Amino acid sequence: MIATLTLWMVIGFHHHNDAPGKPIAQICSVRVVGFKFIGVEGQKFELGSVTYTVDKRGYVELISDGETTYRYGDKTLPLTVWPANEFGMLEVPLPKP
């Protein structure tokens, strides 16, 4: 019960003056929630200041922290050129090794 009340307060239902008690829909402005870097096993890239290695699945999924570029080898490459999928993930094909 306390958790429910706390969540309700955090979400913060707002009321119209003309329709008290009816919640107003809130729109989330987040468009990109993460990245799916697609490559071959063993490929390395850097996002933020962390280096990641593609495993045998052929991809690495990461949560976005607002990054707009990543590093591959000695190059800084843009992330903003890739479209977001239906889940808000940018699918980023890594350069051919």
PDB file of N, CA and C in Angstrom:
ATOM      1  N   MET A   1       0.822  -1.189   0.000  1.00  0.00           N
ATOM      2  CA  MET A   1       0.000   0.000   0.000  1.00  0.00           C
ATOM      3  C   MET A   1       0.868   1.256   0.000  1.00  0.00           C
ATOM      4  N   ILE A   2       1.910   1.278   0.831  1.00  0.00           N
ATOM      5  CA  ILE A   2       2.792   2.440   0.895  1.00  0.00           C
ATOM      6  C   ILE A   2       3.522   2.615  -0.430  1.00  0.00           C
ATOM      7  N   ALA A   3       3.962   1.494  -1.019  1.00  0.00           N
ATOM      8  CA  ALA A   3       4.649   1.572  -2.311  1.00  0.00           C
ATOM      9  C   ALA A   3       3.724   2.129  -3.382  1.00  0.00           C
ATOM     10  N   THR A   4       2.473   1.738  -3.364  1.00  0.00           N
ATOM     11  CA  THR A   4       1.503   2.235  -4.342  1.00  0.00           C
ATOM     12  C   THR A   4       1.287   3.729  -4.175  1.00  0.00           C
ATOM     13  N   LEU A   5       1.130   4.175  -2.944  1.00  0.00           N
ATOM     14  CA  LEU A   5       0.949   5.604  -2.690  1.00  0.00           C
ATOM     15  C   LEU A   5       2.181   6.399  -3.093  1.00  0.00           C
ATOM     16  N   THR A   6       3.353   5.863  -2.808  1.00  0.00           N
ATOM     17  CA  THR A   6       4.594   6.542  -3.176  1.00  0.00           C
ATOM     18  C   THR A   6       4.693   6.668  -4.685  1.00  0.00           C
ATOM     19  N   LEU A   7       4.411   5.584  -5.410  1.00  0.00           N
ATOM     20  CA  LEU A   7       4.446   5.613  -6.867  1.00  0.00           C
ATOM     21  C   LEU A   7       3.449   6.627  -7.399  1.00  0.00           C
ATOM     22  N   TRP A   8       2.274   6.663  -6.819  1.00  0.00           N
ATOM     23  CA  TRP A   8       1.246   7.609  -7.241  1.00  0.00           C
ATOM     24  C   TRP A   8       1.733   9.046  -7.053  1.00  0.00           C
ATOM     25  N   MET A   9       2.407   9.312  -5.938  1.00  0.00           N
ATOM     26  CA  MET A   9       2.918  10.653  -5.687  1.00  0.00           C
ATOM     27  C   MET A   9       4.061  11.000  -6.633  1.00  0.00           C
ATOM     28  N   VAL A  10       4.917  10.028  -6.947  1.00  0.00           N
ATOM     29  CA  VAL A  10       6.037  10.273  -7.853  1.00  0.00           C
ATOM     30  C   VAL A  10       5.525  10.550  -9.262  1.00  0.00           C
ATOM     31  N   ILE A  11       4.560   9.771  -9.720  1.00  0.00           N
ATOM     32  CA  ILE A  11       3.991   9.985 -11.046  1.00  0.00           C
ATOM     33  C   ILE A  11       3.319  11.338 -11.109  1.00  0.00           C
ATOM     34  N   GLY A  12       2.682  11.728 -10.024  1.00  0.00           N
ATOM     35  CA  GLY A  12       2.100  13.058  -9.915  1.00  0.00           C
ATOM     36  C   GLY A  12       0.911  13.290 -10.817  1.00  0.00           C
ATOM     37  N   PHE A  13      -0.191  12.679 -10.528  1.00  0.00           N
ATOM     38  CA  PHE A  13      -1.398  12.920 -11.301  1.00  0.00           C
ATOM     39  C   PHE A  13      -1.824  14.371 -11.138  1.00  0.00           C
ATOM     40  N   HIS A  14      -2.074  15.018 -12.254  1.00  0.00           N
ATOM     41  CA  HIS A  14      -2.528  16.397 -12.260  1.00  0.00           C
ATOM     42  C   HIS A  14      -3.996  16.408 -12.646  1.00  0.00           C
ATOM     43  N   HIS A  15      -4.717  17.363 -12.158  1.00  0.00           N
ATOM     44  CA  HIS A  15      -6.143  17.437 -12.428  1.00  0.00           C
ATOM     45  C   HIS A  15      -6.479  18.717 -13.171  1.00  0.00           C
ATOM     46  N   HIS A  16      -7.419  18.604 -14.128  1.00  0.00           N
ATOM     47  CA  HIS A  16      -7.988  19.791 -14.765  1.00  0.00           C
ATOM     48  C   HIS A  16      -8.942  20.435 -13.772  1.00  0.00           C
ATOM     49  N   ASN A  17      -9.026  21.735 -13.822  1.00  0.00           N
ATOM     50  CA  ASN A  17      -9.987  22.416 -12.958  1.00  0.00           C
ATOM     51  C   ASN A  17     -11.420  22.034 -13.299  1.00  0.00           C
ATOM     52  N   ASP A  18     -11.664  21.744 -14.601  1.00  0.00           N
ATOM     53  CA  ASP A  18     -13.024  21.416 -15.002  1.00  0.00           C
ATOM     54  C   ASP A  18     -13.338  19.926 -14.869  1.00  0.00           C
ATOM     55  N   ALA A  19     -12.354  19.097 -14.586  1.00  0.00           N
ATOM     56  CA  ALA A  19     -12.584  17.655 -14.461  1.00  0.00           C
ATOM     57  C   ALA A  19     -11.776  17.103 -13.299  1.00  0.00           C
ATOM     58  N   PRO A  20     -12.125  17.482 -12.083  1.00  0.00           N
ATOM     59  CA  PRO A  20     -11.333  17.004 -10.948  1.00  0.00           C
ATOM     60  C   PRO A  20     -11.376  15.482 -10.833  1.00  0.00           C
ATOM     61  N   GLY A  21     -10.241  14.933 -10.472  1.00  0.00           N
ATOM     62  CA  GLY A  21     -10.154  13.485 -10.261  1.00  0.00           C
ATOM     63  C   GLY A  21      -9.729  12.700 -11.483  1.00  0.00           C
ATOM     64  N   LYS A  22      -9.700  13.319 -12.672  1.00  0.00           N
ATOM     65  CA  LYS A  22      -9.275  12.608 -13.880  1.00  0.00           C
ATOM     66  C   LYS A  22      -7.800  12.900 -14.135  1.00  0.00           C
ATOM     67  N   PRO A  23      -6.984  11.858 -14.262  1.00  0.00           N
ATOM     68  CA  PRO A  23      -5.557  12.082 -14.513  1.00  0.00           C
ATOM     69  C   PRO A  23      -5.324  12.583 -15.940  1.00  0.00           C
ATOM     70  N   ILE A  24      -4.259  13.365 -16.108  1.00  0.00           N
ATOM     71  CA  ILE A  24      -3.849  13.858 -17.414  1.00  0.00           C
ATOM     72  C   ILE A  24      -2.732  12.946 -17.916  1.00  0.00           C
ATOM     73  N   ALA A  25      -2.807  12.545 -19.163  1.00  0.00           N
ATOM     74  CA  ALA A  25      -1.762  11.697 -19.738  1.00  0.00           C
ATOM     75  C   ALA A  25      -0.454  12.471 -19.809  1.00  0.00           C
ATOM     76  N   GLN A  26       0.620  11.843 -19.399  1.00  0.00           N
ATOM     77  CA  GLN A  26       1.943  12.441 -19.457  1.00  0.00           C
ATOM     78  C   GLN A  26       2.679  11.858 -20.660  1.00  0.00           C
ATOM     79  N   ILE A  27       3.358  12.696 -21.410  1.00  0.00           N
ATOM     80  CA  ILE A  27       4.109  12.261 -22.576  1.00  0.00           C
ATOM     81  C   ILE A  27       5.586  12.214 -22.208  1.00  0.00           C
ATOM     82  N   CYS A  28       6.221  11.092 -22.517  1.00  0.00           N
ATOM     83  CA  CYS A  28       7.645  10.936 -22.264  1.00  0.00           C
ATOM     84  C   CYS A  28       8.406  11.496 -23.459  1.00  0.00           C
ATOM     85  N   SER A  29       9.387  12.344 -23.221  1.00  0.00           N
ATOM     86  CA  SER A  29      10.135  12.965 -24.310  1.00  0.00           C
ATOM     87  C   SER A  29      11.373  12.156 -24.698  1.00  0.00           C
ATOM     88  N   VAL A  30      11.609  11.022 -24.064  1.00  0.00           N
ATOM     89  CA  VAL A  30      12.771  10.201 -24.391  1.00  0.00           C
ATOM     90  C   VAL A  30      12.493   9.453 -25.689  1.00  0.00           C
ATOM     91  N   ARG A  31      13.378   9.635 -26.671  1.00  0.00           N
ATOM     92  CA  ARG A  31      13.194   8.974 -27.963  1.00  0.00           C
ATOM     93  C   ARG A  31      14.120   7.764 -28.105  1.00  0.00           C
ATOM     94  N   VAL A  32      15.353   7.886 -27.612  1.00  0.00           N
ATOM     95  CA  VAL A  32      16.322   6.796 -27.703  1.00  0.00           C
ATOM     96  C   VAL A  32      16.604   6.282 -26.302  1.00  0.00           C
ATOM     97  N   VAL A  33      16.329   4.996 -26.080  1.00  0.00           N
ATOM     98  CA  VAL A  33      16.574   4.436 -24.755  1.00  0.00           C
ATOM     99  C   VAL A  33      17.855   3.620 -24.694  1.00  0.00           C
ATOM    100  N   GLY A  34      18.367   3.227 -25.855  1.00  0.00           N
ATOM    101  CA  GLY A  34      19.586   2.437 -25.843  1.00  0.00           C
ATOM    102  C   GLY A  34      20.109   2.161 -27.236  1.00  0.00           C
ATOM    103  N   PHE A  35      21.152   1.356 -27.271  1.00  0.00           N
ATOM    104  CA  PHE A  35      21.831   1.047 -28.520  1.00  0.00           C
ATOM    105  C   PHE A  35      22.023  -0.461 -28.628  1.00  0.00           C
ATOM    106  N   LYS A  36      21.915  -0.961 -29.857  1.00  0.00           N
ATOM    107  CA  LYS A  36      22.252  -2.352 -30.144  1.00  0.00           C
ATOM    108  C   LYS A  36      23.374  -2.295 -31.182  1.00  0.00           C
ATOM    109  N   PHE A  37      24.596  -2.523 -30.727  1.00  0.00           N
ATOM    110  CA  PHE A  37      25.755  -2.526 -31.613  1.00  0.00           C
ATOM    111  C   PHE A  37      25.873  -3.916 -32.221  1.00  0.00           C
ATOM    112  N   ILE A  38      25.815  -3.981 -33.543  1.00  0.00           N
ATOM    113  CA  ILE A  38      25.798  -5.255 -34.257  1.00  0.00           C
ATOM    114  C   ILE A  38      27.116  -5.431 -34.992  1.00  0.00           C
ATOM    115  N   GLY A  39      27.775  -6.562 -34.767  1.00  0.00           N
ATOM    116  CA  GLY A  39      29.051  -6.816 -35.420  1.00  0.00           C
ATOM    117  C   GLY A  39      29.384  -8.293 -35.385  1.00  0.00           C
ATOM    118  N   VAL A  40      30.668  -8.585 -35.428  1.00  0.00           N
ATOM    119  CA  VAL A  40      31.128  -9.976 -35.369  1.00  0.00           C
ATOM    120  C   VAL A  40      31.865 -10.195 -34.053  1.00  0.00           C
ATOM    121  N   GLU A  41      31.872 -11.431 -33.631  1.00  0.00           N
ATOM    122  CA  GLU A  41      32.519 -11.779 -32.368  1.00  0.00           C
ATOM    123  C   GLU A  41      33.945 -11.249 -32.323  1.00  0.00           C
ATOM    124  N   GLY A  42      34.270 -10.586 -31.214  1.00  0.00           N
ATOM    125  CA  GLY A  42      35.616 -10.062 -31.000  1.00  0.00           C
ATOM    126  C   GLY A  42      35.791  -8.596 -31.353  1.00  0.00           C
ATOM    127  N   GLN A  43      34.839  -8.010 -32.079  1.00  0.00           N
ATOM    128  CA  GLN A  43      34.958  -6.582 -32.398  1.00  0.00           C
ATOM    129  C   GLN A  43      34.869  -5.753 -31.136  1.00  0.00           C
ATOM    130  N   LYS A  44      35.698  -4.721 -31.044  1.00  0.00           N
ATOM    131  CA  LYS A  44      35.716  -3.833 -29.880  1.00  0.00           C
ATOM    132  C   LYS A  44      35.297  -2.433 -30.311  1.00  0.00           C
ATOM    133  N   PHE A  45      34.580  -1.759 -29.439  1.00  0.00           N
ATOM    134  CA  PHE A  45      34.204  -0.367 -29.644  1.00  0.00           C
ATOM    135  C   PHE A  45      34.107   0.291 -28.278  1.00  0.00           C
ATOM    136  N   GLU A  46      34.054   1.610 -28.274  1.00  0.00           N
ATOM    137  CA  GLU A  46      34.007   2.353 -27.019  1.00  0.00           C
ATOM    138  C   GLU A  46      32.783   3.261 -27.005  1.00  0.00           C
ATOM    139  N   LEU A  47      32.049   3.223 -25.915  1.00  0.00           N
ATOM    140  CA  LEU A  47      30.913   4.117 -25.699  1.00  0.00           C
ATOM    141  C   LEU A  47      31.138   4.778 -24.349  1.00  0.00           C
ATOM    142  N   GLY A  48      31.123   6.109 -24.350  1.00  0.00           N
ATOM    143  CA  GLY A  48      31.520   6.809 -23.125  1.00  0.00           C
ATOM    144  C   GLY A  48      33.004   6.571 -22.954  1.00  0.00           C
ATOM    145  N   SER A  49      33.403   6.086 -21.835  1.00  0.00           N
ATOM    146  CA  SER A  49      34.820   5.775 -21.623  1.00  0.00           C
ATOM    147  C   SER A  49      35.019   4.288 -21.349  1.00  0.00           C
ATOM    148  N   VAL A  50      34.039   3.482 -21.773  1.00  0.00           N
ATOM    149  CA  VAL A  50      34.094   2.038 -21.536  1.00  0.00           C
ATOM    150  C   VAL A  50      34.239   1.305 -22.873  1.00  0.00           C
ATOM    151  N   THR A  51      35.143   0.321 -22.908  1.00  0.00           N
ATOM    152  CA  THR A  51      35.336  -0.499 -24.100  1.00  0.00           C
ATOM    153  C   THR A  51      34.502  -1.774 -23.972  1.00  0.00           C
ATOM    154  N   TYR A  52      33.791  -2.100 -25.047  1.00  0.00           N
ATOM    155  CA  TYR A  52      32.941  -3.295 -25.086  1.00  0.00           C
ATOM    156  C   TYR A  52      33.422  -4.208 -26.204  1.00  0.00           C
ATOM    157  N   THR A  53      33.180  -5.507 -26.060  1.00  0.00           N
ATOM    158  CA  THR A  53      33.544  -6.490 -27.065  1.00  0.00           C
ATOM    159  C   THR A  53      32.304  -7.268 -27.460  1.00  0.00           C
ATOM    160  N   VAL A  54      32.078  -7.388 -28.775  1.00  0.00           N
ATOM    161  CA  VAL A  54      30.947  -8.165 -29.286  1.00  0.00           C
ATOM    162  C   VAL A  54      31.209  -9.635 -28.992  1.00  0.00           C
ATOM    163  N   ASP A  55      30.207 -10.311 -28.424  1.00  0.00           N
ATOM    164  CA  ASP A  55      30.373 -11.735 -28.109  1.00  0.00           C
ATOM    165  C   ASP A  55      29.802 -12.596 -29.238  1.00  0.00           C
ATOM    166  N   LYS A  56      29.657 -13.889 -28.991  1.00  0.00           N
ATOM    167  CA  LYS A  56      29.240 -14.817 -30.043  1.00  0.00           C
ATOM    168  C   LYS A  56      27.812 -14.585 -30.538  1.00  0.00           C
ATOM    169  N   ARG A  57      26.997 -13.835 -29.774  1.00  0.00           N
ATOM    170  CA  ARG A  57      25.639 -13.506 -30.235  1.00  0.00           C
ATOM    171  C   ARG A  57      25.680 -12.568 -31.437  1.00  0.00           C
ATOM    172  N   GLY A  58      26.754 -11.776 -31.537  1.00  0.00           N
ATOM    173  CA  GLY A  58      26.898 -10.851 -32.644  1.00  0.00           C
ATOM    174  C   GLY A  58      26.414  -9.438 -32.359  1.00  0.00           C
ATOM    175  N   TYR A  59      26.123  -9.156 -31.101  1.00  0.00           N
ATOM    176  CA  TYR A  59      25.685  -7.801 -30.749  1.00  0.00           C
ATOM    177  C   TYR A  59      25.906  -7.526 -29.269  1.00  0.00           C
ATOM    178  N   VAL A  60      25.870  -6.214 -28.947  1.00  0.00           N
ATOM    179  CA  VAL A  60      25.945  -5.739 -27.563  1.00  0.00           C
ATOM    180  C   VAL A  60      24.833  -4.710 -27.405  1.00  0.00           C
ATOM    181  N   GLU A  61      23.977  -4.867 -26.402  1.00  0.00           N
ATOM    182  CA  GLU A  61      22.912  -3.909 -26.124  1.00  0.00           C
ATOM    183  C   GLU A  61      23.282  -3.094 -24.897  1.00  0.00           C
ATOM    184  N   LEU A  62      23.151  -1.774 -25.008  1.00  0.00           N
ATOM    185  CA  LEU A  62      23.517  -0.866 -23.922  1.00  0.00           C
ATOM    186  C   LEU A  62      22.434   0.182 -23.732  1.00  0.00           C
ATOM    187  N   ILE A  63      22.236   0.599 -22.496  1.00  0.00           N
ATOM    188  CA  ILE A  63      21.297   1.667 -22.172  1.00  0.00           C
ATOM    189  C   ILE A  63      21.942   3.015 -22.514  1.00  0.00           C
ATOM    190  N   SER A  64      21.158   3.912 -23.086  1.00  0.00           N
ATOM    191  CA  SER A  64      21.656   5.233 -23.467  1.00  0.00           C
ATOM    192  C   SER A  64      21.858   6.119 -22.249  1.00  0.00           C
ATOM    193  N   ASP A  65      22.949   6.874 -22.294  1.00  0.00           N
ATOM    194  CA  ASP A  65      23.185   7.897 -21.289  1.00  0.00           C
ATOM    195  C   ASP A  65      23.314   9.246 -22.004  1.00  0.00           C
ATOM    196  N   GLY A  66      22.631   9.363 -23.152  1.00  0.00           N
ATOM    197  CA  GLY A  66      22.649  10.593 -23.927  1.00  0.00           C
ATOM    198  C   GLY A  66      23.803  10.708 -24.905  1.00  0.00           C
ATOM    199  N   GLU A  67      24.526   9.617 -25.150  1.00  0.00           N
ATOM    200  CA  GLU A  67      25.659   9.665 -26.065  1.00  0.00           C
ATOM    201  C   GLU A  67      25.193   9.964 -27.498  1.00  0.00           C
ATOM    202  N   THR A  68      26.022  10.676 -28.236  1.00  0.00           N
ATOM    203  CA  THR A  68      25.739  10.958 -29.645  1.00  0.00           C
ATOM    204  C   THR A  68      26.838  10.427 -30.564  1.00  0.00           C
ATOM    205  N   THR A  69      27.942   9.935 -29.962  1.00  0.00           N
ATOM    206  CA  THR A  69      29.035   9.357 -30.746  1.00  0.00           C
ATOM    207  C   THR A  69      29.575   8.120 -30.029  1.00  0.00           C
ATOM    208  N   TYR A  70      30.312   7.315 -30.797  1.00  0.00           N
ATOM    209  CA  TYR A  70      31.047   6.182 -30.224  1.00  0.00           C
ATOM    210  C   TYR A  70      32.383   6.101 -30.934  1.00  0.00           C
ATOM    211  N   ARG A  71      33.312   5.343 -30.373  1.00  0.00           N
ATOM    212  CA  ARG A  71      34.634   5.197 -30.984  1.00  0.00           C
ATOM    213  C   ARG A  71      34.819   3.770 -31.471  1.00  0.00           C
ATOM    214  N   TYR A  72      35.363   3.671 -32.675  1.00  0.00           N
ATOM    215  CA  TYR A  72      35.731   2.379 -33.247  1.00  0.00           C
ATOM    216  C   TYR A  72      37.139   2.539 -33.797  1.00  0.00           C
ATOM    217  N   GLY A  73      38.070   1.797 -33.210  1.00  0.00           N
ATOM    218  CA  GLY A  73      39.472   1.990 -33.576  1.00  0.00           C
ATOM    219  C   GLY A  73      39.900   3.385 -33.181  1.00  0.00           C
ATOM    220  N   ASP A  74      40.444   4.128 -34.139  1.00  0.00           N
ATOM    221  CA  ASP A  74      40.878   5.496 -33.846  1.00  0.00           C
ATOM    222  C   ASP A  74      39.889   6.548 -34.358  1.00  0.00           C
ATOM    223  N   LYS A  75      38.665   6.114 -34.719  1.00  0.00           N
ATOM    224  CA  LYS A  75      37.670   7.032 -35.271  1.00  0.00           C
ATOM    225  C   LYS A  75      36.522   7.263 -34.305  1.00  0.00           C
ATOM    226  N   THR A  76      36.052   8.499 -34.268  1.00  0.00           N
ATOM    227  CA  THR A  76      34.832   8.832 -33.536  1.00  0.00           C
ATOM    228  C   THR A  76      33.712   8.889 -34.561  1.00  0.00           C
ATOM    229  N   LEU A  77      32.672   8.096 -34.332  1.00  0.00           N
ATOM    230  CA  LEU A  77      31.580   7.967 -35.292  1.00  0.00           C
ATOM    231  C   LEU A  77      30.259   8.411 -34.669  1.00  0.00           C
ATOM    232  N   PRO A  78      29.346   8.965 -35.495  1.00  0.00           N
ATOM    233  CA  PRO A  78      28.066   9.438 -34.965  1.00  0.00           C
ATOM    234  C   PRO A  78      27.089   8.301 -34.702  1.00  0.00           C
ATOM    235  N   LEU A  79      26.281   8.468 -33.682  1.00  0.00           N
ATOM    236  CA  LEU A  79      25.199   7.523 -33.400  1.00  0.00           C
ATOM    237  C   LEU A  79      23.869   8.031 -33.945  1.00  0.00           C
ATOM    238  N   THR A  80      23.791   9.323 -34.190  1.00  0.00           N
ATOM    239  CA  THR A  80      22.523   9.951 -34.548  1.00  0.00           C
ATOM    240  C   THR A  80      22.072   9.676 -35.972  1.00  0.00           C
ATOM    241  N   VAL A  81      22.852   8.963 -36.759  1.00  0.00           N
ATOM    242  CA  VAL A  81      22.470   8.670 -38.142  1.00  0.00           C
ATOM    243  C   VAL A  81      21.612   7.413 -38.259  1.00  0.00           C
ATOM    244  N   TRP A  82      21.499   6.651 -37.192  1.00  0.00           N
ATOM    245  CA  TRP A  82      20.766   5.390 -37.237  1.00  0.00           C
ATOM    246  C   TRP A  82      19.353   5.587 -36.695  1.00  0.00           C
ATOM    247  N   PRO A  83      18.358   5.020 -37.377  1.00  0.00           N
ATOM    248  CA  PRO A  83      16.973   5.176 -36.901  1.00  0.00           C
ATOM    249  C   PRO A  83      16.717   4.304 -35.669  1.00  0.00           C
ATOM    250  N   ALA A  84      15.788   4.753 -34.846  1.00  0.00           N
ATOM    251  CA  ALA A  84      15.388   3.964 -33.670  1.00  0.00           C
ATOM    252  C   ALA A  84      14.364   2.919 -34.100  1.00  0.00           C
ATOM    253  N   ASN A  85      14.456   1.726 -33.521  1.00  0.00           N
ATOM    254  CA  ASN A  85      13.449   0.697 -33.801  1.00  0.00           C
ATOM    255  C   ASN A  85      12.216   0.950 -32.939  1.00  0.00           C
ATOM    256  N   GLU A  86      11.252   0.049 -32.982  1.00  0.00           N
ATOM    257  CA  GLU A  86       9.992   0.238 -32.255  1.00  0.00           C
ATOM    258  C   GLU A  86      10.160   0.244 -30.742  1.00  0.00           C
ATOM    259  N   PHE A  87      11.315  -0.165 -30.242  1.00  0.00           N
ATOM    260  CA  PHE A  87      11.578  -0.182 -28.803  1.00  0.00           C
ATOM    261  C   PHE A  87      12.430   1.008 -28.354  1.00  0.00           C
ATOM    262  N   GLY A  88      12.744   1.923 -29.271  1.00  0.00           N
ATOM    263  CA  GLY A  88      13.563   3.080 -28.932  1.00  0.00           C
ATOM    264  C   GLY A  88      15.054   2.769 -28.898  1.00  0.00           C
ATOM    265  N   MET A  89      15.454   1.674 -29.517  1.00  0.00           N
ATOM    266  CA  MET A  89      16.867   1.285 -29.571  1.00  0.00           C
ATOM    267  C   MET A  89      17.424   1.642 -30.945  1.00  0.00           C
ATOM    268  N   LEU A  90      18.600   2.283 -30.965  1.00  0.00           N
ATOM    269  CA  LEU A  90      19.289   2.503 -32.228  1.00  0.00           C
ATOM    270  C   LEU A  90      20.073   1.243 -32.553  1.00  0.00           C
ATOM    271  N   GLU A  91      19.866   0.707 -33.746  1.00  0.00           N
ATOM    272  CA  GLU A  91      20.614  -0.468 -34.180  1.00  0.00           C
ATOM    273  C   GLU A  91      21.813   0.017 -34.993  1.00  0.00           C
ATOM    274  N   VAL A  92      22.993  -0.121 -34.397  1.00  0.00           N
ATOM    275  CA  VAL A  92      24.219   0.453 -34.961  1.00  0.00           C
ATOM    276  C   VAL A  92      25.079  -0.666 -35.529  1.00  0.00           C
ATOM    277  N   PRO A  93      25.191  -0.749 -36.862  1.00  0.00           N
ATOM    278  CA  PRO A  93      26.095  -1.752 -37.444  1.00  0.00           C
ATOM    279  C   PRO A  93      27.538  -1.273 -37.292  1.00  0.00           C
ATOM    280  N   LEU A  94      28.366  -2.088 -36.689  1.00  0.00           N
ATOM    281  CA  LEU A  94      29.775  -1.725 -36.543  1.00  0.00           C
ATOM    282  C   LEU A  94      30.463  -1.853 -37.910  1.00  0.00           C
ATOM    283  N   PRO A  95      31.501  -1.050 -38.169  1.00  0.00           N
ATOM    284  CA  PRO A  95      32.237  -1.158 -39.437  1.00  0.00           C
ATOM    285  C   PRO A  95      32.791  -2.565 -39.612  1.00  0.00           C
ATOM    286  N   LYS A  96      32.926  -2.969 -40.866  1.00  0.00           N
ATOM    287  CA  LYS A  96      33.503  -4.291 -41.167  1.00  0.00           C
ATOM    288  C   LYS A  96      34.938  -4.324 -40.659  1.00  0.00           C
ATOM    289  N   PRO A  97      35.304  -5.412 -39.954  1.00  0.00           N
ATOM    290  CA  PRO A  97      36.691  -5.482 -39.447  1.00  0.00           C
ATOM    291  C   PRO A  97      37.700  -5.718 -40.563  1.00  0.00           C
TER     292      PRO A  97
END
